[in-house]
Amino acid sequence: MRCSLAIVLCLLVPASSLASRKPNFILIVADDLGYGEVGCYGQKKIKTPAVDRMAREGIRFTQFYAGSPVCAPSRCCLMTGKHGGHAWIRDNREVKPEGQPPLPTSEILLSEVLQKEGYTCGAIGKWGLGPPGSDCDPIRRGFDLFFGYNCQRHAHSHYPLYLWRNDRHVKLPENDLKTGKTHSHELFEKEALAFLQANKDRPFFLYLPFAIPHVAIQAQPDWLKPYLGLWDDPPYDGKRGYVPHPTPRAGYAAMISRMDETVGKLLDTLDRLDLSRDTLVLFTSDNGATHDAGGADTEFFQSVGLLRGRKGSVYEGGLRVPTLARWTGTTPANQVSDYIGYFPDLLPTFLDAAGASARIPKGIDGQSFLPTLRGEKQPPHDFLMWEFAGYSGQQAVRVGDWKGVRRNLQKGPAKLELYNLRKDLAEQHNVAADFPEKVKELEAILTAQHTPSKLFPLKGLGER
């Protein structure tokens, strides 16, 4: 009996090569990067050629939002697919001796599901969702590798005395928190590139929650050189927190450009390894630009453009974040998308792309935007919802062009402010008095979507 050529070839090719490969995922989350702090979103002073390259080679989202206006609750929304009204973590909070309150095992994380789907999962950067050794230590929740800061407070210095590698300290005796020889970001870059090389032949999820440009402003001398002398740059004396800096504007810009350099190296490595067609790379920020603490000057850099608010606010400047996606051969090149989405969408999108939509946990609030990534028609959300127990307690909801905001909920009941973002992107004109039926509609959503929290109660909603 004669074998066909096709059969012969099949016998010569490993079975693993015949099966369609599951896509890899790289999720880069900058820390406190404002909507307008990269070039493709209008930044004029800070150079970000790699992120701008992502915009040319993929999709730039103009209406994408973080899960919350501060670190820990935003990351909770990202990992669980739940909005702030349902999420376990709704504000920043510390536990002793190190870390933040842990997510319980009842909360299903993106990393856990992907690991069960055969993915090798790595987290490199800042965690903030559970102390070392707790139920939400990252190596207990789906990550095969964790390298970085477990605690958000620890990440306030880019020259730490140690970092975590899984369950042990990596000591950095050459650092003293204020300065040193070893900048954490350079270690993160090295680890990330090594992870790609080590896992190039298997499906992987690489989560990169970087610590920059979050203050303190700390940049290596060679990072500063392109920006020194470009502008008037009065020294920062340290009186608004963190460490002093002789040229804070140059330092802040240098940190963003150094992170951008890492993005470029990641893209180049994927190209070199012939993985770009197999890998969805998504770049975003955990919340809006910082307040002008630690020497940051967001007015000088126009860090949120025309948007109102900064980090800690549920106005657009605290929530709307730069978001780009590149998946060569899948995402349309040089595409601008007005899809209105947010962090809870990431979990169902990644699982959908991995062919694991049946594993999407029940009760989440996000929806897959895989159709948008493929350049196809996308059903919109009925609404987006945020709840944040900090900064006096806040809620927000978006339905189409309408945005509702409630503030000072820790002090008592609060009236809903109403804005039409199509006409008033800067949220300067509260039109609640003119549209009482729309106010009732949005208030009803906020009421229906709020699950009481013993950890993060809101007095204005009758909780103690």
Protein backbone atom coordinates (compact mmCIF):
# COMPACT_ATOMS: atom_id res chain seq x y z
CA MET A 1 0.00 0.00 0.00
CA ARG A 2 1.35 3.38 -1.00
CA CYS A 3 1.24 6.31 1.45
CA SER A 4 0.33 9.70 0.15
CA LEU A 5 2.89 12.49 0.42
CA ALA A 6 0.65 14.23 2.96
CA ILE A 7 0.72 11.21 5.28
CA VAL A 8 4.48 10.96 5.02
CA LEU A 9 4.85 14.61 5.89
CA CYS A 10 2.54 14.21 8.88
CA LEU A 11 4.73 11.42 10.21
CA LEU A 12 7.78 13.67 9.97
CA VAL A 13 6.22 16.69 11.74
CA PRO A 14 5.70 16.65 15.55
CA ALA A 15 2.06 16.46 16.55
CA SER A 16 2.41 19.66 18.58
CA SER A 17 3.31 21.54 15.41
CA LEU A 18 0.15 20.36 13.63
CA ALA A 19 -2.26 21.66 16.23
CA SER A 20 -3.14 25.33 15.98
CA ARG A 21 -1.18 27.22 18.55
CA LYS A 22 -3.04 29.09 21.27
CA PRO A 23 -2.18 32.80 21.22
CA ASN A 24 0.26 34.24 23.72
CA PHE A 25 -0.63 37.31 25.78
CA ILE A 26 1.55 40.17 26.98
CA LEU A 27 -0.28 42.67 29.16
CA ILE A 28 1.75 45.80 29.96
CA VAL A 29 0.25 48.02 32.66
CA ALA A 30 2.01 51.30 33.35
CA ASP A 31 1.58 52.86 36.80
CA ASP A 32 -0.18 56.25 36.91
CA LEU A 33 0.42 56.94 33.20
CA GLY A 34 -1.96 59.67 32.09
CA TYR A 35 -4.16 59.57 28.98
CA GLY A 36 -2.03 62.23 27.31
CA GLU A 37 1.45 61.12 28.34
CA VAL A 38 2.41 59.18 25.20
CA GLY A 39 2.90 60.58 21.72
CA CYS A 40 0.04 58.84 19.91
CA TYR A 41 -2.37 60.37 22.45
CA GLY A 42 -1.09 63.88 21.91
CA GLN A 43 2.02 64.17 24.08
CA LYS A 44 4.48 66.72 22.63
CA LYS A 45 7.37 66.73 25.11
CA ILE A 46 7.95 63.08 26.07
CA LYS A 47 9.24 60.71 23.39
CA THR A 48 7.48 57.33 23.17
CA PRO A 49 8.41 55.82 19.78
CA ALA A 50 7.66 52.20 20.73
CA VAL A 51 4.15 52.87 22.04
CA ASP A 52 3.55 55.04 18.97
CA ARG A 53 4.74 52.09 16.89
CA MET A 54 2.06 49.95 18.52
CA ALA A 55 -0.52 52.49 17.37
CA ARG A 56 0.75 52.23 13.79
CA GLU A 57 0.89 48.44 13.84
CA GLY A 58 -2.33 47.81 15.75
CA ILE A 59 -5.34 49.46 17.39
CA ARG A 60 -5.42 52.65 19.46
CA PHE A 61 -8.45 52.82 21.75
CA THR A 62 -9.77 56.31 22.49
CA GLN A 63 -12.47 55.41 25.05
CA PHE A 64 -10.94 52.70 27.20
CA TYR A 65 -10.98 52.90 31.00
CA ALA A 66 -9.18 51.50 34.01
CA GLY A 67 -11.15 49.54 36.57
CA SER A 68 -10.70 52.17 39.29
CA PRO A 69 -8.87 55.48 39.76
CA VAL A 70 -6.20 53.94 42.06
CA CYS A 71 -3.90 50.93 41.99
CA ALA A 72 -5.22 47.95 43.96
CA PRO A 73 -8.93 48.11 43.06
CA SER A 74 -8.08 48.69 39.40
CA ARG A 75 -5.86 45.60 39.36
CA CYS A 76 -8.60 43.65 41.12
CA CYS A 77 -11.04 44.55 38.34
CA LEU A 78 -8.48 43.53 35.75
CA MET A 79 -7.77 40.13 37.29
CA THR A 80 -11.38 39.20 38.16
CA GLY A 81 -13.44 40.76 35.36
CA LYS A 82 -15.67 42.54 37.90
CA HIS A 83 -16.44 46.25 38.16
CA GLY A 84 -16.04 48.20 41.38
CA GLY A 85 -19.61 47.62 42.55
CA HIS A 86 -18.98 43.88 42.68
CA ALA A 87 -15.21 43.68 43.16
CA TRP A 88 -13.67 42.46 46.41
CA ILE A 89 -11.09 45.29 46.57
CA ARG A 90 -12.51 48.83 46.27
CA ASP A 91 -9.73 51.02 47.66
CA ASN A 92 -6.02 50.96 48.49
CA ARG A 93 -5.27 49.54 51.92
CA GLU A 94 -2.21 48.01 53.57
CA VAL A 95 -1.72 45.02 55.83
CA LYS A 96 1.27 44.35 58.05
CA PRO A 97 4.07 43.60 57.67
CA GLU A 98 3.86 43.90 53.89
CA GLY A 99 1.21 43.96 51.20
CA GLN A 100 -2.46 44.65 50.57
CA PRO A 101 -5.61 42.76 51.63
CA PRO A 102 -5.70 39.45 49.76
CA LEU A 103 -8.36 38.38 47.32
CA PRO A 104 -10.03 35.21 48.67
CA THR A 105 -9.82 31.96 46.74
CA SER A 106 -13.50 32.33 45.85
CA GLU A 107 -12.50 35.12 43.45
CA ILE A 108 -11.30 33.53 40.19
CA LEU A 109 -8.28 35.22 38.61
CA LEU A 110 -7.38 35.43 34.93
CA SER A 111 -4.02 33.81 35.64
CA GLU A 112 -5.62 30.80 37.31
CA VAL A 113 -7.85 30.06 34.34
CA LEU A 114 -5.08 30.52 31.79
CA GLN A 115 -2.77 28.24 33.78
CA LYS A 116 -5.43 25.52 33.72
CA GLU A 117 -5.61 26.03 29.96
CA GLY A 118 -1.94 25.11 29.68
CA TYR A 119 -0.41 28.58 29.76
CA THR A 120 2.85 29.37 31.49
CA CYS A 121 2.10 32.55 33.43
CA GLY A 122 4.58 35.15 34.61
CA ALA A 123 4.02 38.39 36.58
CA ILE A 124 6.86 40.90 36.66
CA GLY A 125 6.44 44.27 38.37
CA LYS A 126 4.03 45.37 41.11
CA TRP A 127 1.39 43.02 42.55
CA GLY A 128 -0.69 44.67 45.30
CA LEU A 129 -3.42 42.01 45.62
CA GLY A 130 -2.22 39.93 48.56
CA PRO A 131 0.78 39.62 50.91
CA PRO A 132 3.58 37.09 50.54
CA GLY A 133 2.39 33.68 51.69
CA SER A 134 -1.29 34.69 51.69
CA ASP A 135 -4.15 33.16 49.73
CA CYS A 136 -3.42 35.72 47.03
CA ASP A 137 0.32 35.45 46.81
CA PRO A 138 0.72 35.48 43.00
CA ILE A 139 2.52 32.12 42.93
CA ARG A 140 -0.53 30.61 44.63
CA ARG A 141 -2.93 32.15 42.12
CA GLY A 142 -1.86 30.88 38.73
CA PHE A 143 1.54 32.45 38.20
CA ASP A 144 4.50 30.17 37.61
CA LEU A 145 6.86 33.11 38.11
CA PHE A 146 6.54 36.29 40.14
CA PHE A 147 9.35 38.83 40.24
CA GLY A 148 8.93 42.29 41.71
CA TYR A 149 7.24 44.24 44.47
CA ASN A 150 4.51 42.48 46.40
CA CYS A 151 3.47 45.67 48.23
CA GLN A 152 2.45 48.95 46.63
CA ARG A 153 4.10 51.00 49.38
CA HIS A 154 7.36 49.15 48.79
CA ALA A 155 7.13 50.19 45.13
CA HIS A 156 7.31 53.88 46.07
CA SER A 157 11.07 53.52 45.66
CA HIS A 158 12.57 52.40 42.37
CA TYR A 159 15.79 51.63 44.26
CA PRO A 160 14.45 48.97 46.66
CA LEU A 161 16.50 47.02 49.18
CA TYR A 162 15.03 43.79 47.84
CA LEU A 163 12.47 42.34 45.43
CA TRP A 164 10.55 39.08 45.54
CA ARG A 165 11.28 36.14 43.30
CA ASN A 166 8.40 33.78 43.96
CA ASP A 167 8.67 33.11 47.73
CA ARG A 168 12.13 34.50 48.47
CA HIS A 169 13.90 37.85 48.71
CA VAL A 170 16.37 38.99 46.09
CA LYS A 171 18.48 41.41 48.11
CA LEU A 172 19.83 44.59 46.52
CA PRO A 173 22.40 45.86 49.04
CA GLU A 174 23.73 48.45 46.58
CA ASN A 175 20.47 50.44 46.98
CA ASP A 176 19.31 52.65 49.86
CA LEU A 177 15.75 53.50 48.66
CA LYS A 178 16.76 57.07 47.73
CA THR A 179 19.40 56.07 45.20
CA GLY A 180 21.55 53.14 44.18
CA LYS A 181 23.07 51.17 41.33
CA THR A 182 20.15 48.87 40.52
CA HIS A 183 16.91 50.39 39.25
CA SER A 184 13.97 48.02 39.57
CA HIS A 185 12.73 48.68 36.05
CA GLU A 186 15.97 47.50 34.51
CA LEU A 187 15.59 44.22 36.40
CA PHE A 188 11.98 43.92 35.24
CA GLU A 189 13.02 44.37 31.62
CA LYS A 190 15.73 41.73 31.93
CA GLU A 191 13.31 39.24 33.50
CA ALA A 192 10.61 39.91 30.91
CA LEU A 193 12.92 39.33 27.95
CA ALA A 194 14.28 36.16 29.56
CA PHE A 195 10.70 34.93 30.10
CA LEU A 196 9.94 35.33 26.39
CA GLN A 197 13.04 33.42 25.41
CA ALA A 198 12.39 30.60 27.89
CA ASN A 199 8.75 30.15 26.89
CA LYS A 200 8.86 30.77 23.14
CA ASP A 201 7.76 27.21 22.35
CA ARG A 202 4.68 27.10 24.59
CA PRO A 203 1.66 29.36 25.14
CA PHE A 204 2.34 32.05 27.73
CA PHE A 205 0.73 34.93 29.60
CA LEU A 206 3.21 37.62 30.59
CA TYR A 207 1.71 40.21 32.94
CA LEU A 208 3.91 43.31 33.26
CA PRO A 209 2.50 45.72 35.86
CA PHE A 210 5.44 48.13 35.75
CA ALA A 211 6.10 50.58 38.58
CA ILE A 212 6.84 53.62 36.43
CA PRO A 213 6.05 56.46 35.99
CA HIS A 214 4.64 56.35 39.55
CA VAL A 215 6.65 58.70 41.75
CA ALA A 216 9.22 58.83 43.30
CA ILE A 217 10.98 60.44 40.36
CA GLN A 218 14.09 58.27 40.16
CA ALA A 219 15.88 57.83 36.86
CA GLN A 220 19.31 56.51 36.00
CA PRO A 221 21.75 59.20 34.79
CA ASP A 222 21.83 57.90 31.21
CA TRP A 223 18.02 58.02 31.01
CA LEU A 224 18.09 61.73 31.82
CA LYS A 225 20.50 62.86 29.12
CA PRO A 226 17.96 63.37 26.29
CA TYR A 227 15.87 65.72 28.46
CA LEU A 228 18.39 67.74 30.46
CA GLY A 229 18.31 71.41 29.51
CA LEU A 230 15.27 71.16 27.24
CA TRP A 231 13.01 73.17 29.53
CA ASP A 232 13.02 75.36 32.58
CA ASP A 233 13.18 72.68 35.27
CA PRO A 234 13.21 73.99 38.85
CA PRO A 235 14.41 71.48 41.47
CA TYR A 236 11.91 69.57 43.56
CA ASP A 237 12.59 69.90 47.29
CA GLY A 238 10.68 66.86 48.50
CA LYS A 239 8.06 68.82 50.45
CA ARG A 240 5.17 67.17 48.60
CA GLY A 241 6.26 63.64 49.39
CA TYR A 242 8.83 61.19 48.07
CA VAL A 243 12.47 62.09 47.42
CA PRO A 244 13.86 65.40 46.10
CA HIS A 245 15.05 65.64 42.52
CA PRO A 246 17.25 68.30 40.88
CA THR A 247 15.46 68.15 37.49
CA PRO A 248 12.02 66.62 38.09
CA ARG A 249 10.54 67.35 34.66
CA ALA A 250 13.46 65.69 32.94
CA GLY A 251 13.30 62.83 35.44
CA TYR A 252 9.60 62.19 34.92
CA ALA A 253 9.91 62.27 31.14
CA ALA A 254 12.95 59.98 31.33
CA MET A 255 11.05 57.32 33.27
CA ILE A 256 8.27 57.21 30.67
CA SER A 257 10.75 57.06 27.79
CA ARG A 258 12.68 54.27 29.54
CA MET A 259 9.49 52.24 29.92
CA ASP A 260 8.76 52.90 26.25
CA GLU A 261 12.20 51.52 25.41
CA THR A 262 11.21 48.29 27.14
CA VAL A 263 8.05 48.10 25.06
CA GLY A 264 10.20 48.38 21.96
CA LYS A 265 12.50 45.58 23.11
CA LEU A 266 9.52 43.33 23.78
CA LEU A 267 8.10 43.94 20.30
CA ASP A 268 11.50 43.41 18.69
CA THR A 269 11.98 40.16 20.61
CA LEU A 270 8.61 38.86 19.44
CA ASP A 271 9.58 39.70 15.88
CA ARG A 272 12.95 38.00 16.23
CA LEU A 273 11.39 34.86 17.72
CA ASP A 274 8.73 34.83 14.98
CA LEU A 275 6.00 35.16 17.62
CA SER A 276 4.32 38.42 16.61
CA ARG A 277 1.52 36.68 14.72
CA ASP A 278 0.93 34.43 17.74
CA THR A 279 0.97 37.13 20.42
CA LEU A 280 -1.55 39.73 21.52
CA VAL A 281 0.32 42.63 23.14
CA LEU A 282 -1.84 45.05 25.08
CA PHE A 283 -0.50 48.26 26.63
CA THR A 284 -2.47 50.35 29.15
CA SER A 285 -2.29 52.14 32.53
CA ASP A 286 -3.78 51.24 35.90
CA ASN A 287 -5.41 54.67 36.33
CA GLY A 288 -5.06 58.30 35.31
CA ALA A 289 -2.11 60.59 35.87
CA THR A 290 -0.94 61.31 39.39
CA HIS A 291 -1.66 64.46 41.31
CA ASP A 292 1.28 66.84 41.35
CA ALA A 293 3.02 65.06 44.20
CA GLY A 294 6.60 63.92 44.37
CA GLY A 295 7.76 66.48 41.83
CA ALA A 296 5.38 65.41 39.04
CA ASP A 297 4.08 68.29 36.92
CA THR A 298 1.04 67.08 35.02
CA GLU A 299 0.03 70.58 33.97
CA PHE A 300 3.39 71.12 32.26
CA PHE A 301 3.08 67.84 30.35
CA GLN A 302 -0.69 68.16 29.77
CA SER A 303 -0.87 64.65 31.15
CA VAL A 304 -4.62 64.19 30.76
CA GLY A 305 -5.22 66.61 27.91
CA LEU A 306 -8.58 68.32 28.30
CA LEU A 307 -9.94 65.73 30.73
CA ARG A 308 -11.09 66.63 34.23
CA GLY A 309 -9.51 65.03 37.30
CA ARG A 310 -6.45 62.97 38.08
CA LYS A 311 -5.70 59.75 39.93
CA GLY A 312 -8.28 59.14 42.66
CA SER A 313 -11.14 60.74 40.73
CA VAL A 314 -13.93 59.04 38.79
CA TYR A 315 -13.98 61.94 36.36
CA GLU A 316 -12.46 61.10 32.99
CA GLY A 317 -8.90 62.15 33.90
CA GLY A 318 -8.78 59.56 36.67
CA LEU A 319 -10.20 56.67 34.65
CA ARG A 320 -9.66 57.06 30.91
CA VAL A 321 -6.30 55.51 30.00
CA PRO A 322 -4.16 55.06 26.90
CA THR A 323 -4.76 51.56 25.56
CA LEU A 324 -3.22 49.91 22.51
CA ALA A 325 -3.32 46.41 21.08
CA ARG A 326 -0.99 44.75 18.57
CA TRP A 327 -1.53 41.24 17.27
CA THR A 328 0.16 41.03 13.90
CA GLY A 329 -2.13 39.56 11.26
CA THR A 330 -5.18 39.79 13.54
CA THR A 331 -5.53 43.41 14.66
CA PRO A 332 -5.95 45.88 11.80
CA ALA A 333 -2.92 48.15 11.43
CA ASN A 334 -3.15 51.87 12.19
CA GLN A 335 -6.71 51.51 13.46
CA VAL A 336 -8.44 53.93 15.85
CA SER A 337 -11.28 52.38 17.85
CA ASP A 338 -14.01 54.18 19.76
CA TYR A 339 -15.06 50.96 21.51
CA ILE A 340 -16.11 51.90 25.04
CA GLY A 341 -14.52 49.33 27.30
CA TYR A 342 -12.66 48.86 30.57
CA PHE A 343 -10.49 46.55 32.65
CA PRO A 344 -13.24 44.02 33.43
CA ASP A 345 -13.24 43.26 29.68
CA LEU A 346 -9.69 41.91 29.69
CA LEU A 347 -10.41 38.56 31.38
CA PRO A 348 -13.20 37.48 28.98
CA THR A 349 -11.28 38.82 25.98
CA PHE A 350 -8.14 36.83 26.73
CA LEU A 351 -10.10 33.65 27.47
CA ASP A 352 -12.16 34.12 24.32
CA ALA A 353 -8.98 34.54 22.27
CA ALA A 354 -7.50 31.43 23.91
CA GLY A 355 -10.50 29.36 22.83
CA ALA A 356 -11.58 29.04 26.44
CA SER A 357 -14.76 31.11 26.49
CA ALA A 358 -16.50 28.23 28.26
CA ARG A 359 -14.19 28.88 31.23
CA ILE A 360 -15.21 32.53 31.63
CA PRO A 361 -16.40 32.72 35.26
CA LYS A 362 -20.07 33.32 35.87
CA GLY A 363 -21.11 36.63 37.36
CA ILE A 364 -18.38 38.81 35.86
CA ASP A 365 -19.12 42.26 34.44
CA GLY A 366 -16.75 42.44 31.50
CA GLN A 367 -17.41 41.36 27.93
CA SER A 368 -15.03 40.10 25.27
CA PHE A 369 -13.89 42.69 22.75
CA LEU A 370 -12.20 40.06 20.58
CA PRO A 371 -14.41 41.11 17.64
CA THR A 372 -12.93 44.61 17.86
CA LEU A 373 -9.41 43.18 17.95
CA ARG A 374 -10.22 41.30 14.76
CA GLY A 375 -11.66 44.37 13.06
CA GLU A 376 -15.20 42.99 13.26
CA LYS A 377 -18.47 44.49 14.45
CA GLN A 378 -18.63 44.70 18.25
CA PRO A 379 -21.75 44.79 20.45
CA PRO A 380 -21.50 47.69 22.91
CA HIS A 381 -21.82 47.53 26.67
CA ASP A 382 -25.19 48.44 28.12
CA PHE A 383 -23.24 50.44 30.69
CA LEU A 384 -19.90 50.76 32.46
CA MET A 385 -19.84 51.16 36.24
CA TRP A 386 -17.20 52.22 38.78
CA GLU A 387 -17.25 52.33 42.55
CA PHE A 388 -14.36 53.60 44.64
CA ALA A 389 -14.47 53.81 48.43
CA GLY A 390 -11.51 56.19 48.71
CA TYR A 391 -11.18 59.95 48.29
CA SER A 392 -14.48 60.46 50.20
CA GLY A 393 -16.32 57.70 48.30
CA GLN A 394 -17.33 57.85 44.64
CA GLN A 395 -19.40 56.11 42.00
CA ALA A 396 -19.67 56.62 38.26
CA VAL A 397 -21.66 55.09 35.42
CA ARG A 398 -21.50 55.53 31.67
CA VAL A 399 -24.33 54.76 29.25
CA GLY A 400 -23.50 55.75 25.69
CA ASP A 401 -22.48 59.39 25.74
CA TRP A 402 -23.96 59.96 29.21
CA LYS A 403 -21.83 59.89 32.35
CA GLY A 404 -23.15 60.02 35.90
CA VAL A 405 -20.94 60.80 38.90
CA ARG A 406 -21.65 60.67 42.64
CA ARG A 407 -19.07 61.99 45.10
CA ASN A 408 -18.61 62.29 48.88
CA LEU A 409 -20.50 59.09 49.57
CA GLN A 410 -18.55 58.59 52.78
CA LYS A 411 -20.30 61.67 54.16
CA GLY A 412 -23.85 60.71 53.25
CA PRO A 413 -26.23 60.48 50.27
CA ALA A 414 -25.05 62.34 47.19
CA LYS A 415 -26.83 63.81 44.19
CA LEU A 416 -25.87 62.53 40.78
CA GLU A 417 -23.95 64.86 38.49
CA LEU A 418 -24.77 64.31 34.80
CA TYR A 419 -22.49 64.99 31.82
CA ASN A 420 -22.80 64.41 28.09
CA LEU A 421 -19.30 63.36 27.06
CA ARG A 422 -19.90 63.89 23.36
CA LYS A 423 -20.69 67.55 23.96
CA ASP A 424 -18.69 68.07 27.15
CA LEU A 425 -15.64 65.82 27.31
CA ALA A 426 -14.11 68.02 30.01
CA GLU A 427 -17.13 67.42 32.30
CA GLN A 428 -17.60 71.11 33.00
CA HIS A 429 -21.39 71.34 32.66
CA ASN A 430 -23.57 69.35 35.04
CA VAL A 431 -26.91 69.00 33.21
CA ALA A 432 -28.70 66.87 35.81
CA ALA A 433 -31.43 69.49 36.29
CA ASP A 434 -32.23 69.41 32.57
CA PHE A 435 -32.53 65.63 32.21
CA PRO A 436 -34.27 64.22 35.31
CA GLU A 437 -35.30 60.98 33.57
CA LYS A 438 -31.71 60.25 32.56
CA VAL A 439 -30.63 60.90 36.16
CA LYS A 440 -33.18 58.35 37.40
CA GLU A 441 -31.97 55.82 34.81
CA LEU A 442 -28.34 56.12 35.86
CA GLU A 443 -29.14 56.14 39.57
CA ALA A 444 -31.09 52.92 39.09
CA ILE A 445 -28.06 51.27 37.50
CA LEU A 446 -25.80 52.38 40.35
CA THR A 447 -28.25 51.00 42.89
CA ALA A 448 -28.71 47.68 41.09
CA GLN A 449 -24.99 47.20 40.47
CA HIS A 450 -23.83 47.86 44.03
CA THR A 451 -23.10 44.87 46.24
CA PRO A 452 -22.51 45.94 49.87
CA SER A 453 -18.94 45.47 51.09
CA LYS A 454 -17.93 44.90 54.71
CA LEU A 455 -14.34 45.82 53.84
CA PHE A 456 -15.19 49.02 51.95
CA PRO A 457 -18.60 50.34 53.10
CA LEU A 458 -20.11 53.56 51.77
CA LYS A 459 -22.05 55.53 54.38
CA GLY A 460 -24.04 57.35 51.74
CA LEU A 461 -25.51 53.99 50.67
CA GLY A 462 -26.56 53.12 54.20
CA GLU A 463 -23.49 51.01 55.08
CA ARG A 464 -21.33 51.16 58.18
